[in-house]
Amino acid sequence: MVSSLGKDVKVAICSKILLNSPPGELIDVFNSIRGIINDDDLLKNECAPAVAEYNLENFHQVRQDLSNPCLITKYNHLGNDRFLEPQANVTFKFDHIRREVSDIQPADKLYYSDDLNKWRKVVQVELNKYIEKSYKNSGVGVVFVYDGQLIICIESHQFRPKSYWNGRMKSCWIVPPYDSKASTLEITGTVKLDTHYFEDGNVQLKMDHTYKPKCVASNIGNMAIEVIKGIGKSEDAYQATIQETYMAQIEEVFKQLRRSLPITKTKFDWNKIHNYKIAQDMGPTA
């Protein structure tokens, strides 16, 4: 059946499947497709753009041979699969399929103004503290400069395939340039969650929410602190929302599966179950 499909149809189907791979499972999905279509050239060449898009959209973490951990995003993409690591101001080549870093070189220029670079550095210092506190050993946060403003990208994941679950949380924040004449700064960000549970089933949960915290400070250092505080409070609120939503969904599911009260219309006191059993055992036998 697969062999009867045209090349363009195969590419479209495979690309869509790859783009919808659950967190931590892109390589597994890639290899599964590989076994089905039996066409390595098509998969590696024609479907490579989908793999690259997946890595860009999901802020893939890279640490190999870099002084600082970095993320693969459209905000630091220089073209031709080359990316900027802004903290050390170096560029590197990234193989999207192998997920390998190579050809690390000092950047031949600063890609933005000195004022934006100063603002980026101050915010990155505070972001590093936040990542260490809230996402230690699992998260990476990087401040990029894109279209004349700061873009803060955060990605954290836990992949536990042996326990049949994988999860990723990421957020992206737009931060305007610092203005010493203004004491208020509004940032905008979206937090996204993507989880997959696959023991005795296949359940995926995707959620996202947008926040617009306002930051107030009198100097650049304090403003950077307030920016990261705003992000932290927003992500805390998001986590609380997830928990509330999850519990509400569970309650709704159980309402559909069972009666809220037994036929007697009275709640069963589970704490007295042992007393009920004893009374039954002590009762007269027929």
C-alpha atoms as a PDB file:
ATOM      1  CA  MET A   1       0.000   0.000   0.000  1.00  0.00           C
ATOM      2  CA  VAL A   2       2.776   2.443   0.945  1.00  0.00           C
ATOM      3  CA  SER A   3       4.707   1.629  -2.225  1.00  0.00           C
ATOM      4  CA  SER A   4       1.720   2.680  -4.329  1.00  0.00           C
ATOM      5  CA  LEU A   5       1.770   6.230  -2.962  1.00  0.00           C
ATOM      6  CA  GLY A   6       3.441   8.986  -4.947  1.00  0.00           C
ATOM      7  CA  LYS A   7       6.599  10.665  -3.671  1.00  0.00           C
ATOM      8  CA  ASP A   8       4.904  13.957  -2.762  1.00  0.00           C
ATOM      9  CA  VAL A   9       2.182  12.142  -0.828  1.00  0.00           C
ATOM     10  CA  LYS A  10       4.753  10.110   1.084  1.00  0.00           C
ATOM     11  CA  VAL A  11       6.722  13.241   1.971  1.00  0.00           C
ATOM     12  CA  ALA A  12       3.588  15.079   3.133  1.00  0.00           C
ATOM     13  CA  ILE A  13       2.398  12.182   5.301  1.00  0.00           C
ATOM     14  CA  CYS A  14       5.815  11.452   6.809  1.00  0.00           C
ATOM     15  CA  SER A  15       6.477  15.139   7.500  1.00  0.00           C
ATOM     16  CA  LYS A  16       3.148  15.555   9.284  1.00  0.00           C
ATOM     17  CA  ILE A  17       3.813  12.505  11.449  1.00  0.00           C
ATOM     18  CA  LEU A  18       7.303  13.747  12.329  1.00  0.00           C
ATOM     19  CA  LEU A  19       6.045  17.222  13.245  1.00  0.00           C
ATOM     20  CA  ASN A  20       3.522  15.666  15.632  1.00  0.00           C
ATOM     21  CA  SER A  21       6.026  13.401  17.372  1.00  0.00           C
ATOM     22  CA  PRO A  22       5.507  13.322  21.160  1.00  0.00           C
ATOM     23  CA  PRO A  23       8.248  14.877  23.316  1.00  0.00           C
ATOM     24  CA  GLY A  24      11.445  12.844  23.381  1.00  0.00           C
ATOM     25  CA  GLU A  25      10.219  10.467  20.692  1.00  0.00           C
ATOM     26  CA  LEU A  26      11.247  12.086  17.398  1.00  0.00           C
ATOM     27  CA  ILE A  27      14.029   9.569  16.739  1.00  0.00           C
ATOM     28  CA  ASP A  28      11.719   6.647  17.564  1.00  0.00           C
ATOM     29  CA  VAL A  29       9.082   7.992  15.180  1.00  0.00           C
ATOM     30  CA  PHE A  30      11.739   8.632  12.514  1.00  0.00           C
ATOM     31  CA  ASN A  31      13.011   5.052  12.745  1.00  0.00           C
ATOM     32  CA  SER A  32       9.479   3.630  12.711  1.00  0.00           C
ATOM     33  CA  ILE A  33       8.683   5.516   9.506  1.00  0.00           C
ATOM     34  CA  ARG A  34      11.999   4.382   8.091  1.00  0.00           C
ATOM     35  CA  GLY A  35      11.006   0.747   8.524  1.00  0.00           C
ATOM     36  CA  ILE A  36       7.612   1.314   6.911  1.00  0.00           C
ATOM     37  CA  ILE A  37       8.529   3.268   3.764  1.00  0.00           C
ATOM     38  CA  ASN A  38      11.925   1.617   3.226  1.00  0.00           C
ATOM     39  CA  ASP A  39      13.303   4.715   1.470  1.00  0.00           C
ATOM     40  CA  ASP A  40      16.203   6.324   3.344  1.00  0.00           C
ATOM     41  CA  ASP A  41      16.903   8.915   0.665  1.00  0.00           C
ATOM     42  CA  LEU A  42      13.357  10.242   0.756  1.00  0.00           C
ATOM     43  CA  LEU A  43      13.233  10.294   4.539  1.00  0.00           C
ATOM     44  CA  LYS A  44      16.626  11.917   5.121  1.00  0.00           C
ATOM     45  CA  ASN A  45      16.471  14.411   2.266  1.00  0.00           C
ATOM     46  CA  GLU A  46      12.839  15.232   1.570  1.00  0.00           C
ATOM     47  CA  CYS A  47      11.656  15.022   5.182  1.00  0.00           C
ATOM     48  CA  ALA A  48      14.674  16.807   6.664  1.00  0.00           C
ATOM     49  CA  PRO A  49      12.831  20.184   6.710  1.00  0.00           C
ATOM     50  CA  ALA A  50      10.161  18.674   8.979  1.00  0.00           C
ATOM     51  CA  VAL A  51      12.806  17.386  11.394  1.00  0.00           C
ATOM     52  CA  ALA A  52      14.452  20.820  11.423  1.00  0.00           C
ATOM     53  CA  GLU A  53      11.106  22.529  12.044  1.00  0.00           C
ATOM     54  CA  TYR A  54      10.403  20.153  14.927  1.00  0.00           C
ATOM     55  CA  ASN A  55      13.725  20.997  16.586  1.00  0.00           C
ATOM     56  CA  LEU A  56      13.197  24.729  16.077  1.00  0.00           C
ATOM     57  CA  GLU A  57       9.629  24.747  17.375  1.00  0.00           C
ATOM     58  CA  ASN A  58      10.471  22.680  20.445  1.00  0.00           C
ATOM     59  CA  PHE A  59      13.648  24.549  21.465  1.00  0.00           C
ATOM     60  CA  HIS A  60      15.880  21.479  21.284  1.00  0.00           C
ATOM     61  CA  GLN A  61      18.654  21.657  23.899  1.00  0.00           C
ATOM     62  CA  VAL A  62      22.296  21.470  22.824  1.00  0.00           C
ATOM     63  CA  ARG A  63      25.225  21.171  25.210  1.00  0.00           C
ATOM     64  CA  GLN A  64      27.827  19.272  23.178  1.00  0.00           C
ATOM     65  CA  ASP A  65      31.208  21.081  23.114  1.00  0.00           C
ATOM     66  CA  LEU A  66      29.630  24.461  23.963  1.00  0.00           C
ATOM     67  CA  SER A  67      30.738  26.663  26.861  1.00  0.00           C
ATOM     68  CA  ASN A  68      27.093  27.341  27.684  1.00  0.00           C
ATOM     69  CA  PRO A  69      24.020  25.208  27.004  1.00  0.00           C
ATOM     70  CA  CYS A  70      21.984  26.585  24.135  1.00  0.00           C
ATOM     71  CA  LEU A  71      18.669  26.073  22.362  1.00  0.00           C
ATOM     72  CA  ILE A  72      17.853  25.490  18.715  1.00  0.00           C
ATOM     73  CA  THR A  73      15.301  28.163  17.784  1.00  0.00           C
ATOM     74  CA  LYS A  74      14.414  30.456  14.931  1.00  0.00           C
ATOM     75  CA  TYR A  75      15.647  33.353  17.063  1.00  0.00           C
ATOM     76  CA  ASN A  76      19.313  32.329  16.845  1.00  0.00           C
ATOM     77  CA  HIS A  77      19.226  30.678  13.425  1.00  0.00           C
ATOM     78  CA  LEU A  78      21.703  32.361  11.092  1.00  0.00           C
ATOM     79  CA  GLY A  79      20.810  30.259   8.043  1.00  0.00           C
ATOM     80  CA  ASN A  80      22.230  27.069   6.516  1.00  0.00           C
ATOM     81  CA  ASP A  81      21.749  25.214   9.815  1.00  0.00           C
ATOM     82  CA  ARG A  82      24.136  27.573  11.597  1.00  0.00           C
ATOM     83  CA  PHE A  83      23.193  28.974  15.004  1.00  0.00           C
ATOM     84  CA  LEU A  84      24.412  31.643  17.412  1.00  0.00           C
ATOM     85  CA  GLU A  85      25.238  30.913  21.037  1.00  0.00           C
ATOM     86  CA  PRO A  86      24.936  34.483  22.370  1.00  0.00           C
ATOM     87  CA  GLN A  87      26.582  34.141  25.774  1.00  0.00           C
ATOM     88  CA  ALA A  88      29.975  33.242  24.301  1.00  0.00           C
ATOM     89  CA  ASN A  89      29.157  34.925  20.963  1.00  0.00           C
ATOM     90  CA  VAL A  90      30.079  31.829  18.967  1.00  0.00           C
ATOM     91  CA  THR A  91      28.330  30.141  16.060  1.00  0.00           C
ATOM     92  CA  PHE A  92      27.982  26.438  15.364  1.00  0.00           C
ATOM     93  CA  LYS A  93      26.637  24.017  12.799  1.00  0.00           C
ATOM     94  CA  PHE A  94      23.785  21.741  13.842  1.00  0.00           C
ATOM     95  CA  ASP A  95      22.764  18.469  12.194  1.00  0.00           C
ATOM     96  CA  HIS A  96      19.020  18.224  12.796  1.00  0.00           C
ATOM     97  CA  ILE A  97      18.758  14.495  12.149  1.00  0.00           C
ATOM     98  CA  ARG A  98      21.846  13.386  14.061  1.00  0.00           C
ATOM     99  CA  ARG A  99      21.354  16.232  16.549  1.00  0.00           C
ATOM    100  CA  GLU A 100      25.073  16.922  16.631  1.00  0.00           C
ATOM    101  CA  VAL A 101      26.996  20.177  17.017  1.00  0.00           C
ATOM    102  CA  SER A 102      30.052  20.849  14.854  1.00  0.00           C
ATOM    103  CA  ASP A 103      32.280  23.608  13.487  1.00  0.00           C
ATOM    104  CA  ILE A 104      32.124  25.942  16.486  1.00  0.00           C
ATOM    105  CA  GLN A 105      33.555  29.333  15.512  1.00  0.00           C
ATOM    106  CA  PRO A 106      33.807  32.777  17.133  1.00  0.00           C
ATOM    107  CA  ALA A 107      31.136  35.045  15.676  1.00  0.00           C
ATOM    108  CA  ASP A 108      32.648  37.397  13.121  1.00  0.00           C
ATOM    109  CA  LYS A 109      30.536  40.279  14.449  1.00  0.00           C
ATOM    110  CA  LEU A 110      28.026  41.345  17.067  1.00  0.00           C
ATOM    111  CA  TYR A 111      24.623  40.834  15.500  1.00  0.00           C
ATOM    112  CA  TYR A 112      22.898  43.636  17.433  1.00  0.00           C
ATOM    113  CA  SER A 113      23.569  47.001  19.067  1.00  0.00           C
ATOM    114  CA  ASP A 114      25.709  47.497  22.163  1.00  0.00           C
ATOM    115  CA  ASP A 115      22.663  48.710  24.113  1.00  0.00           C
ATOM    116  CA  LEU A 116      20.681  45.574  23.292  1.00  0.00           C
ATOM    117  CA  ASN A 117      23.689  43.416  24.109  1.00  0.00           C
ATOM    118  CA  LYS A 118      24.046  45.097  27.506  1.00  0.00           C
ATOM    119  CA  TRP A 119      20.350  44.530  28.206  1.00  0.00           C
ATOM    120  CA  ARG A 120      20.643  40.902  27.048  1.00  0.00           C
ATOM    121  CA  LYS A 121      23.592  40.227  29.355  1.00  0.00           C
ATOM    122  CA  VAL A 122      21.868  41.661  32.427  1.00  0.00           C
ATOM    123  CA  VAL A 123      18.712  39.644  31.814  1.00  0.00           C
ATOM    124  CA  GLN A 124      20.713  36.466  31.095  1.00  0.00           C
ATOM    125  CA  VAL A 125      22.411  36.724  34.498  1.00  0.00           C
ATOM    126  CA  GLU A 126      19.037  36.755  36.253  1.00  0.00           C
ATOM    127  CA  LEU A 127      17.666  34.048  33.969  1.00  0.00           C
ATOM    128  CA  ASN A 128      20.576  31.757  34.847  1.00  0.00           C
ATOM    129  CA  LYS A 129      19.699  32.114  38.537  1.00  0.00           C
ATOM    130  CA  TYR A 130      16.070  31.282  37.825  1.00  0.00           C
ATOM    131  CA  ILE A 131      16.937  28.213  35.747  1.00  0.00           C
ATOM    132  CA  GLU A 132      19.304  26.942  38.438  1.00  0.00           C
ATOM    133  CA  LYS A 133      16.599  27.332  41.067  1.00  0.00           C
ATOM    134  CA  SER A 134      13.548  26.110  39.174  1.00  0.00           C
ATOM    135  CA  TYR A 135      14.854  23.801  36.444  1.00  0.00           C
ATOM    136  CA  LYS A 136      18.123  22.428  37.773  1.00  0.00           C
ATOM    137  CA  ASN A 137      19.524  19.590  35.631  1.00  0.00           C
ATOM    138  CA  SER A 138      16.554  19.638  33.267  1.00  0.00           C
ATOM    139  CA  GLY A 139      16.116  23.155  31.907  1.00  0.00           C
ATOM    140  CA  VAL A 140      17.925  25.595  29.661  1.00  0.00           C
ATOM    141  CA  GLY A 141      17.133  29.281  29.317  1.00  0.00           C
ATOM    142  CA  VAL A 142      18.689  31.622  26.769  1.00  0.00           C
ATOM    143  CA  VAL A 143      18.182  35.308  26.008  1.00  0.00           C
ATOM    144  CA  PHE A 144      18.330  36.063  22.292  1.00  0.00           C
ATOM    145  CA  VAL A 145      18.056  39.341  20.393  1.00  0.00           C
ATOM    146  CA  TYR A 146      15.565  39.229  17.533  1.00  0.00           C
ATOM    147  CA  ASP A 147      13.941  42.058  15.572  1.00  0.00           C
ATOM    148  CA  GLY A 148      15.245  44.705  17.953  1.00  0.00           C
ATOM    149  CA  GLN A 149      13.978  43.151  21.181  1.00  0.00           C
ATOM    150  CA  LEU A 150      14.892  40.384  23.591  1.00  0.00           C
ATOM    151  CA  ILE A 151      13.432  36.907  23.228  1.00  0.00           C
ATOM    152  CA  ILE A 152      13.721  34.654  26.267  1.00  0.00           C
ATOM    153  CA  CYS A 153      13.359  30.951  25.500  1.00  0.00           C
ATOM    154  CA  ILE A 154      13.100  28.302  28.220  1.00  0.00           C
ATOM    155  CA  GLU A 155      12.874  24.547  27.683  1.00  0.00           C
ATOM    156  CA  SER A 156      12.696  21.824  30.302  1.00  0.00           C
ATOM    157  CA  HIS A 157      11.907  18.161  29.825  1.00  0.00           C
ATOM    158  CA  GLN A 158      11.773  14.825  31.530  1.00  0.00           C
ATOM    159  CA  PHE A 159      11.942  11.765  29.305  1.00  0.00           C
ATOM    160  CA  ARG A 160      11.102   8.508  31.090  1.00  0.00           C
ATOM    161  CA  PRO A 161      10.336   5.960  28.357  1.00  0.00           C
ATOM    162  CA  LYS A 162      11.015   3.028  30.703  1.00  0.00           C
ATOM    163  CA  SER A 163       8.224   4.373  32.898  1.00  0.00           C
ATOM    164  CA  TYR A 164       6.060   4.948  29.811  1.00  0.00           C
ATOM    165  CA  TRP A 165       5.910   8.741  29.898  1.00  0.00           C
ATOM    166  CA  ASN A 166       7.675  11.796  28.469  1.00  0.00           C
ATOM    167  CA  GLY A 167       7.026  15.479  29.038  1.00  0.00           C
ATOM    168  CA  ARG A 168       8.205  18.886  27.928  1.00  0.00           C
ATOM    169  CA  MET A 169       7.488  22.396  29.184  1.00  0.00           C
ATOM    170  CA  LYS A 170       8.661  25.421  27.230  1.00  0.00           C
ATOM    171  CA  SER A 171       8.038  29.134  27.249  1.00  0.00           C
ATOM    172  CA  CYS A 172       8.902  32.077  25.029  1.00  0.00           C
ATOM    173  CA  TRP A 173       8.916  35.701  26.187  1.00  0.00           C
ATOM    174  CA  ILE A 174       9.118  38.948  24.227  1.00  0.00           C
ATOM    175  CA  VAL A 175      10.927  41.673  26.168  1.00  0.00           C
ATOM    176  CA  PRO A 176      11.076  45.229  24.767  1.00  0.00           C
ATOM    177  CA  PRO A 177      14.372  47.159  24.800  1.00  0.00           C
ATOM    178  CA  TYR A 178      15.246  48.764  28.112  1.00  0.00           C
ATOM    179  CA  ASP A 179      14.405  52.464  28.314  1.00  0.00           C
ATOM    180  CA  SER A 180      16.015  54.343  31.192  1.00  0.00           C
ATOM    181  CA  LYS A 181      13.276  56.976  30.950  1.00  0.00           C
ATOM    182  CA  ALA A 182      10.500  54.446  31.573  1.00  0.00           C
ATOM    183  CA  SER A 183       9.921  52.733  34.894  1.00  0.00           C
ATOM    184  CA  THR A 184       7.373  50.230  33.568  1.00  0.00           C
ATOM    185  CA  LEU A 185       7.918  47.415  31.116  1.00  0.00           C
ATOM    186  CA  GLU A 186       5.341  44.906  29.855  1.00  0.00           C
ATOM    187  CA  ILE A 187       6.492  41.535  28.591  1.00  0.00           C
ATOM    188  CA  THR A 188       4.463  38.943  26.719  1.00  0.00           C
ATOM    189  CA  GLY A 189       4.995  35.210  26.840  1.00  0.00           C
ATOM    190  CA  THR A 190       3.399  31.873  26.124  1.00  0.00           C
ATOM    191  CA  VAL A 191       3.938  28.766  28.235  1.00  0.00           C
ATOM    192  CA  LYS A 192       3.319  25.370  26.636  1.00  0.00           C
ATOM    193  CA  LEU A 193       3.099  21.856  28.027  1.00  0.00           C
ATOM    194  CA  ASP A 194       3.287  18.644  26.013  1.00  0.00           C
ATOM    195  CA  THR A 195       3.101  15.251  27.735  1.00  0.00           C
ATOM    196  CA  HIS A 196       2.703  11.663  26.554  1.00  0.00           C
ATOM    197  CA  TYR A 197       1.697   8.667  28.665  1.00  0.00           C
ATOM    198  CA  PHE A 198       1.733   5.314  26.901  1.00  0.00           C
ATOM    199  CA  GLU A 199       1.444   2.458  29.383  1.00  0.00           C
ATOM    200  CA  ASP A 200      -1.583   0.318  28.490  1.00  0.00           C
ATOM    201  CA  GLY A 201      -2.838   3.171  26.332  1.00  0.00           C
ATOM    202  CA  ASN A 202      -1.847   6.312  24.478  1.00  0.00           C
ATOM    203  CA  VAL A 203      -2.699   9.609  26.152  1.00  0.00           C
ATOM    204  CA  GLN A 204      -1.314  13.003  25.126  1.00  0.00           C
ATOM    205  CA  LEU A 205      -1.940  16.298  26.885  1.00  0.00           C
ATOM    206  CA  LYS A 206      -1.136  19.631  25.254  1.00  0.00           C
ATOM    207  CA  MET A 207      -1.847  22.942  26.942  1.00  0.00           C
ATOM    208  CA  ASP A 208      -0.716  26.537  26.535  1.00  0.00           C
ATOM    209  CA  HIS A 209      -1.446  29.929  28.017  1.00  0.00           C
ATOM    210  CA  THR A 210      -0.324  33.498  27.332  1.00  0.00           C
ATOM    211  CA  TYR A 211       0.736  35.936  30.052  1.00  0.00           C
ATOM    212  CA  LYS A 212       1.520  39.663  30.053  1.00  0.00           C
ATOM    213  CA  PRO A 213       3.220  40.557  33.337  1.00  0.00           C
ATOM    214  CA  LYS A 214       4.130  44.187  34.007  1.00  0.00           C
ATOM    215  CA  CYS A 215       7.526  44.991  35.482  1.00  0.00           C
ATOM    216  CA  VAL A 216       8.337  48.125  37.462  1.00  0.00           C
ATOM    217  CA  ALA A 217      11.893  49.213  38.342  1.00  0.00           C
ATOM    218  CA  SER A 218      14.096  52.291  38.406  1.00  0.00           C
ATOM    219  CA  ASN A 219      17.293  50.928  36.827  1.00  0.00           C
ATOM    220  CA  ILE A 220      18.422  48.294  34.348  1.00  0.00           C
ATOM    221  CA  GLY A 221      19.595  45.789  36.964  1.00  0.00           C
ATOM    222  CA  ASN A 222      16.364  45.862  38.947  1.00  0.00           C
ATOM    223  CA  MET A 223      14.316  45.772  35.753  1.00  0.00           C
ATOM    224  CA  ALA A 224      16.054  42.543  34.737  1.00  0.00           C
ATOM    225  CA  ILE A 225      15.218  41.096  38.155  1.00  0.00           C
ATOM    226  CA  GLU A 226      11.569  42.098  37.757  1.00  0.00           C
ATOM    227  CA  VAL A 227      11.395  40.595  34.257  1.00  0.00           C
ATOM    228  CA  ILE A 228      12.516  37.204  35.528  1.00  0.00           C
ATOM    229  CA  LYS A 229      10.220  37.506  38.556  1.00  0.00           C
ATOM    230  CA  GLY A 230       7.331  38.107  36.173  1.00  0.00           C
ATOM    231  CA  ILE A 231       8.254  34.999  34.211  1.00  0.00           C
ATOM    232  CA  GLY A 232       8.555  32.932  37.385  1.00  0.00           C
ATOM    233  CA  LYS A 233       5.163  34.031  38.713  1.00  0.00           C
ATOM    234  CA  SER A 234       3.551  33.324  35.354  1.00  0.00           C
ATOM    235  CA  GLU A 235       5.025  29.840  35.143  1.00  0.00           C
ATOM    236  CA  ASP A 236       3.955  29.141  38.729  1.00  0.00           C
ATOM    237  CA  ALA A 237       0.422  30.236  37.853  1.00  0.00           C
ATOM    238  CA  TYR A 238       0.513  28.017  34.777  1.00  0.00           C
ATOM    239  CA  GLN A 239       1.529  24.998  36.829  1.00  0.00           C
ATOM    240  CA  ALA A 240      -1.317  25.644  39.264  1.00  0.00           C
ATOM    241  CA  THR A 241      -3.750  25.941  36.346  1.00  0.00           C
ATOM    242  CA  ILE A 242      -2.559  22.622  34.938  1.00  0.00           C
ATOM    243  CA  GLN A 243      -3.138  20.886  38.265  1.00  0.00           C
ATOM    244  CA  GLU A 244      -6.618  22.367  38.623  1.00  0.00           C
ATOM    245  CA  THR A 245      -7.539  21.476  35.042  1.00  0.00           C
ATOM    246  CA  TYR A 246      -6.191  17.956  35.388  1.00  0.00           C
ATOM    247  CA  MET A 247      -8.140  17.304  38.575  1.00  0.00           C
ATOM    248  CA  ALA A 248     -11.294  18.791  37.055  1.00  0.00           C
ATOM    249  CA  GLN A 249     -10.937  16.514  34.031  1.00  0.00           C
ATOM    250  CA  ILE A 250     -10.498  13.474  36.268  1.00  0.00           C
ATOM    251  CA  GLU A 251     -13.636  14.366  38.233  1.00  0.00           C
ATOM    252  CA  GLU A 252     -15.609  14.868  35.015  1.00  0.00           C
ATOM    253  CA  VAL A 253     -14.450  11.533  33.624  1.00  0.00           C
ATOM    254  CA  PHE A 254     -15.440   9.716  36.804  1.00  0.00           C
ATOM    255  CA  LYS A 255     -18.836  11.417  36.770  1.00  0.00           C
ATOM    256  CA  GLN A 256     -19.411   9.866  33.364  1.00  0.00           C
ATOM    257  CA  LEU A 257     -18.248   6.448  34.557  1.00  0.00           C
ATOM    258  CA  ARG A 258     -20.100   6.098  37.854  1.00  0.00           C
ATOM    259  CA  ARG A 259     -23.073   7.367  39.844  1.00  0.00           C
ATOM    260  CA  SER A 260     -22.243  10.086  42.335  1.00  0.00           C
ATOM    261  CA  LEU A 261     -24.406   8.270  44.928  1.00  0.00           C
ATOM    262  CA  PRO A 262     -25.371   4.629  45.316  1.00  0.00           C
ATOM    263  CA  ILE A 263     -28.964   3.494  44.817  1.00  0.00           C
ATOM    264  CA  THR A 264     -29.743   4.321  48.475  1.00  0.00           C
ATOM    265  CA  LYS A 265     -28.971   7.986  47.667  1.00  0.00           C
ATOM    266  CA  THR A 266     -26.610   8.189  50.621  1.00  0.00           C
ATOM    267  CA  LYS A 267     -22.862   8.455  50.509  1.00  0.00           C
ATOM    268  CA  PHE A 268     -20.939   5.338  51.429  1.00  0.00           C
ATOM    269  CA  ASP A 269     -18.590   5.868  54.365  1.00  0.00           C
ATOM    270  CA  TRP A 270     -15.446   4.082  53.283  1.00  0.00           C
ATOM    271  CA  ASN A 271     -13.889   4.646  56.704  1.00  0.00           C
ATOM    272  CA  LYS A 272     -16.490   2.313  58.214  1.00  0.00           C
ATOM    273  CA  ILE A 273     -16.008  -0.491  55.727  1.00  0.00           C
ATOM    274  CA  HIS A 274     -14.277  -2.681  58.325  1.00  0.00           C
ATOM    275  CA  ASN A 275     -17.193  -2.190  60.738  1.00  0.00           C
ATOM    276  CA  TYR A 276     -19.633  -3.205  58.014  1.00  0.00           C
ATOM    277  CA  LYS A 277     -17.618  -6.343  57.336  1.00  0.00           C
ATOM    278  CA  ILE A 278     -17.430  -7.263  61.026  1.00  0.00           C
ATOM    279  CA  ALA A 279     -21.163  -6.732  61.455  1.00  0.00           C
ATOM    280  CA  GLN A 280     -21.827  -8.939  58.456  1.00  0.00           C
ATOM    281  CA  ASP A 281     -19.591 -11.694  59.817  1.00  0.00           C
ATOM    282  CA  MET A 282     -21.281 -11.526  63.240  1.00  0.00           C
ATOM    283  CA  GLY A 283     -24.782 -11.652  61.807  1.00  0.00           C
ATOM    284  CA  PRO A 284     -26.887 -14.835  61.843  1.00  0.00           C
ATOM    285  CA  THR A 285     -26.258 -17.284  59.070  1.00  0.00           C
ATOM    286  CA  ALA A 286     -29.090 -18.671  57.016  1.00  0.00           C
END
